[in-house]
Amino acid sequence: MATTNGRDWIFTHAFSQSSFKTYGKNGLARWDTKDVRSFKSRMSFIVEAFGERIADEIKPSEIDTWLGAHDWAPATKNRYKSVP
């Protein structure tokens, strides 16, 4: 599926053997301009934690543990969960 929407691109490639850091860089290149600032901000924190890991090996429980380690409001945690 050829698309210019960053979210669609990342979801389409969600189970490859690339690192999470690679997803962030490739997805950013295809993201809508209005979303770039939010994406960069959130992705920088996520890449810091999971950057060199193989993306399909990151378990949901690990993400929940990582989110739980931050003193963020529930709405903020949900926004981080929405970053593909």
N, C-alpha and C. Protein backbone atom coordinates (compact mmCIF):
# COMPACT_ATOMS: atom_id res chain seq x y z
N MET A 1 0.85 -1.17 0.00
CA MET A 1 0.00 0.00 0.00
C MET A 1 0.89 1.24 0.00
N ALA A 2 0.81 2.05 -1.03
CA ALA A 2 1.59 3.28 -1.10
C ALA A 2 0.77 4.42 -0.50
N THR A 3 1.37 5.11 0.45
CA THR A 3 0.67 6.21 1.11
C THR A 3 1.68 7.23 1.59
N THR A 4 1.23 8.44 1.83
CA THR A 4 2.11 9.46 2.37
C THR A 4 1.79 9.71 3.83
N ASN A 5 0.82 9.01 4.38
CA ASN A 5 0.45 9.20 5.77
C ASN A 5 1.39 8.40 6.65
N GLY A 6 2.06 9.07 7.59
CA GLY A 6 3.02 8.41 8.45
C GLY A 6 2.44 7.29 9.27
N ARG A 7 1.26 7.49 9.82
CA ARG A 7 0.64 6.45 10.64
C ARG A 7 0.41 5.19 9.84
N ASP A 8 -0.14 5.31 8.63
CA ASP A 8 -0.40 4.14 7.80
C ASP A 8 0.89 3.42 7.46
N TRP A 9 1.94 4.18 7.17
CA TRP A 9 3.21 3.57 6.82
C TRP A 9 3.76 2.75 7.98
N ILE A 10 3.74 3.31 9.17
CA ILE A 10 4.29 2.61 10.32
C ILE A 10 3.46 1.38 10.66
N PHE A 11 2.13 1.49 10.63
CA PHE A 11 1.30 0.33 10.92
C PHE A 11 1.54 -0.77 9.89
N THR A 12 1.71 -0.40 8.63
CA THR A 12 1.94 -1.38 7.58
C THR A 12 3.23 -2.14 7.81
N HIS A 13 4.23 -1.50 8.38
CA HIS A 13 5.54 -2.10 8.58
C HIS A 13 5.81 -2.44 10.05
N ALA A 14 4.77 -2.63 10.82
CA ALA A 14 4.91 -2.79 12.26
C ALA A 14 5.63 -4.06 12.70
N PHE A 15 5.74 -5.05 11.83
CA PHE A 15 6.34 -6.31 12.27
C PHE A 15 7.58 -6.70 11.49
N SER A 16 8.35 -5.74 11.04
CA SER A 16 9.59 -6.07 10.34
C SER A 16 10.70 -6.26 11.37
N GLN A 17 11.89 -6.53 10.92
CA GLN A 17 13.02 -6.75 11.81
C GLN A 17 13.84 -5.48 12.03
N SER A 18 13.30 -4.33 11.72
CA SER A 18 14.01 -3.08 11.91
C SER A 18 13.94 -2.65 13.38
N SER A 19 14.88 -1.80 13.77
CA SER A 19 14.83 -1.27 15.13
C SER A 19 13.73 -0.24 15.24
N PHE A 20 13.32 0.01 16.46
CA PHE A 20 12.27 1.01 16.69
C PHE A 20 12.76 2.37 16.23
N LYS A 21 14.04 2.64 16.40
CA LYS A 21 14.63 3.91 15.97
C LYS A 21 14.43 4.11 14.46
N THR A 22 14.58 3.04 13.69
CA THR A 22 14.38 3.11 12.24
C THR A 22 12.94 3.46 11.91
N TYR A 23 11.98 2.88 12.65
CA TYR A 23 10.58 3.22 12.43
C TYR A 23 10.35 4.72 12.62
N GLY A 24 10.95 5.24 13.68
CA GLY A 24 10.76 6.66 13.95
C GLY A 24 11.28 7.54 12.83
N LYS A 25 12.46 7.25 12.35
CA LYS A 25 13.05 8.05 11.27
C LYS A 25 12.27 7.90 9.97
N ASN A 26 11.92 6.67 9.60
CA ASN A 26 11.18 6.46 8.36
C ASN A 26 9.76 6.99 8.43
N GLY A 27 9.14 6.83 9.56
CA GLY A 27 7.77 7.33 9.73
C GLY A 27 7.71 8.84 9.69
N LEU A 28 8.71 9.47 10.28
CA LEU A 28 8.74 10.94 10.31
C LEU A 28 8.80 11.52 8.91
N ALA A 29 9.51 10.86 8.02
CA ALA A 29 9.64 11.35 6.65
C ALA A 29 8.30 11.34 5.92
N ARG A 30 7.35 10.56 6.39
CA ARG A 30 6.07 10.43 5.71
C ARG A 30 4.91 11.06 6.50
N TRP A 31 5.21 11.70 7.62
CA TRP A 31 4.18 12.23 8.50
C TRP A 31 3.62 13.55 7.96
N ASP A 32 2.37 13.81 8.25
CA ASP A 32 1.76 15.09 7.89
C ASP A 32 2.46 16.21 8.64
N THR A 33 2.68 17.34 7.99
CA THR A 33 3.44 18.44 8.56
C THR A 33 2.90 18.90 9.91
N LYS A 34 1.60 19.00 10.06
CA LYS A 34 1.02 19.51 11.31
C LYS A 34 1.28 18.59 12.50
N ASP A 35 1.58 17.34 12.24
CA ASP A 35 1.80 16.38 13.31
C ASP A 35 3.27 16.18 13.66
N VAL A 36 4.17 16.76 12.89
CA VAL A 36 5.59 16.48 13.05
C VAL A 36 6.12 16.88 14.42
N ARG A 37 5.76 18.02 14.93
CA ARG A 37 6.29 18.48 16.22
C ARG A 37 5.90 17.51 17.35
N SER A 38 4.63 17.13 17.40
CA SER A 38 4.19 16.19 18.43
C SER A 38 4.87 14.85 18.28
N PHE A 39 4.96 14.38 17.04
CA PHE A 39 5.59 13.09 16.77
C PHE A 39 7.04 13.11 17.21
N LYS A 40 7.79 14.15 16.85
CA LYS A 40 9.21 14.23 17.22
C LYS A 40 9.39 14.24 18.73
N SER A 41 8.57 15.02 19.40
CA SER A 41 8.68 15.15 20.84
C SER A 41 8.44 13.81 21.54
N ARG A 42 7.36 13.16 21.19
CA ARG A 42 7.04 11.89 21.83
C ARG A 42 8.01 10.79 21.41
N MET A 43 8.32 10.76 20.13
CA MET A 43 9.19 9.71 19.62
C MET A 43 10.58 9.79 20.23
N SER A 44 11.07 10.99 20.54
CA SER A 44 12.40 11.10 21.13
C SER A 44 12.47 10.37 22.47
N PHE A 45 11.43 10.46 23.28
CA PHE A 45 11.40 9.75 24.56
C PHE A 45 11.30 8.24 24.35
N ILE A 46 10.50 7.84 23.39
CA ILE A 46 10.31 6.42 23.12
C ILE A 46 11.59 5.80 22.56
N VAL A 47 12.23 6.50 21.63
CA VAL A 47 13.47 6.00 21.03
C VAL A 47 14.57 5.89 22.09
N GLU A 48 14.59 6.81 23.03
CA GLU A 48 15.58 6.75 24.10
C GLU A 48 15.46 5.43 24.87
N ALA A 49 14.24 4.95 25.04
CA ALA A 49 14.01 3.72 25.80
C ALA A 49 14.13 2.46 24.95
N PHE A 50 13.67 2.51 23.70
CA PHE A 50 13.55 1.30 22.89
C PHE A 50 14.32 1.35 21.58
N GLY A 51 15.09 2.40 21.33
CA GLY A 51 15.70 2.68 20.05
C GLY A 51 16.40 1.57 19.32
N GLU A 52 17.24 0.82 19.96
CA GLU A 52 18.01 -0.22 19.26
C GLU A 52 17.35 -1.59 19.31
N ARG A 53 16.22 -1.69 19.99
CA ARG A 53 15.51 -2.97 20.07
C ARG A 53 14.81 -3.27 18.76
N ILE A 54 14.66 -4.55 18.43
CA ILE A 54 13.88 -4.96 17.26
C ILE A 54 12.42 -4.68 17.59
N ALA A 55 11.75 -3.96 16.72
CA ALA A 55 10.41 -3.46 17.01
C ALA A 55 9.41 -4.56 17.33
N ASP A 56 9.44 -5.67 16.60
CA ASP A 56 8.44 -6.69 16.85
C ASP A 56 8.76 -7.53 18.08
N GLU A 57 9.87 -7.25 18.75
CA GLU A 57 10.20 -7.95 19.99
C GLU A 57 9.84 -7.13 21.24
N ILE A 58 9.35 -5.92 21.05
CA ILE A 58 8.94 -5.09 22.18
C ILE A 58 7.52 -5.50 22.57
N LYS A 59 7.37 -5.94 23.81
CA LYS A 59 6.09 -6.44 24.28
C LYS A 59 5.24 -5.30 24.85
N PRO A 60 3.91 -5.40 24.72
CA PRO A 60 3.03 -4.38 25.30
C PRO A 60 3.28 -4.18 26.80
N SER A 61 3.60 -5.25 27.50
CA SER A 61 3.85 -5.12 28.94
C SER A 61 5.09 -4.26 29.22
N GLU A 62 6.07 -4.32 28.33
CA GLU A 62 7.27 -3.49 28.49
C GLU A 62 6.93 -2.02 28.29
N ILE A 63 6.07 -1.76 27.34
CA ILE A 63 5.63 -0.38 27.10
C ILE A 63 4.84 0.13 28.30
N ASP A 64 3.95 -0.71 28.83
CA ASP A 64 3.18 -0.31 30.01
C ASP A 64 4.09 -0.05 31.21
N THR A 65 5.11 -0.87 31.38
CA THR A 65 6.07 -0.67 32.47
C THR A 65 6.82 0.65 32.29
N TRP A 66 7.25 0.91 31.05
CA TRP A 66 7.95 2.16 30.75
C TRP A 66 7.05 3.37 31.03
N LEU A 67 5.80 3.30 30.58
CA LEU A 67 4.87 4.40 30.83
C LEU A 67 4.63 4.59 32.33
N GLY A 68 4.52 3.47 33.05
CA GLY A 68 4.28 3.53 34.48
C GLY A 68 5.42 4.15 35.27
N ALA A 69 6.60 4.12 34.69
CA ALA A 69 7.77 4.70 35.37
C ALA A 69 7.79 6.23 35.29
N HIS A 70 6.90 6.79 34.49
CA HIS A 70 6.84 8.24 34.34
C HIS A 70 5.65 8.80 35.12
N ASP A 71 5.86 9.93 35.72
CA ASP A 71 4.81 10.57 36.50
C ASP A 71 3.99 11.49 35.58
N TRP A 72 3.31 10.88 34.62
CA TRP A 72 2.50 11.62 33.66
C TRP A 72 1.03 11.38 33.93
N ALA A 73 0.22 12.33 33.52
CA ALA A 73 -1.24 12.18 33.62
C ALA A 73 -1.68 11.03 32.70
N PRO A 74 -2.79 10.39 33.02
CA PRO A 74 -3.29 9.31 32.16
C PRO A 74 -3.48 9.73 30.70
N ALA A 75 -3.91 10.95 30.48
CA ALA A 75 -4.11 11.43 29.10
C ALA A 75 -2.78 11.50 28.35
N THR A 76 -1.72 11.90 29.04
CA THR A 76 -0.40 11.96 28.42
C THR A 76 0.08 10.55 28.07
N LYS A 77 -0.12 9.62 28.96
CA LYS A 77 0.28 8.23 28.69
C LYS A 77 -0.49 7.68 27.50
N ASN A 78 -1.75 8.02 27.39
CA ASN A 78 -2.54 7.58 26.23
C ASN A 78 -2.01 8.18 24.94
N ARG A 79 -1.55 9.42 24.99
CA ARG A 79 -0.99 10.03 23.78
C ARG A 79 0.29 9.31 23.36
N TYR A 80 1.08 8.91 24.33
CA TYR A 80 2.29 8.14 23.99
C TYR A 80 1.93 6.78 23.43
N LYS A 81 0.88 6.17 23.93
CA LYS A 81 0.43 4.89 23.39
C LYS A 81 -0.05 5.03 21.95
N SER A 82 -0.52 6.20 21.60
CA SER A 82 -1.04 6.41 20.24
C SER A 82 0.06 6.65 19.21
N VAL A 83 1.31 6.86 19.67
CA VAL A 83 2.42 7.02 18.74
C VAL A 83 2.72 5.64 18.18
N PRO A 84 2.57 5.49 16.88
CA PRO A 84 2.77 4.16 16.30
C PRO A 84 4.21 3.71 16.35
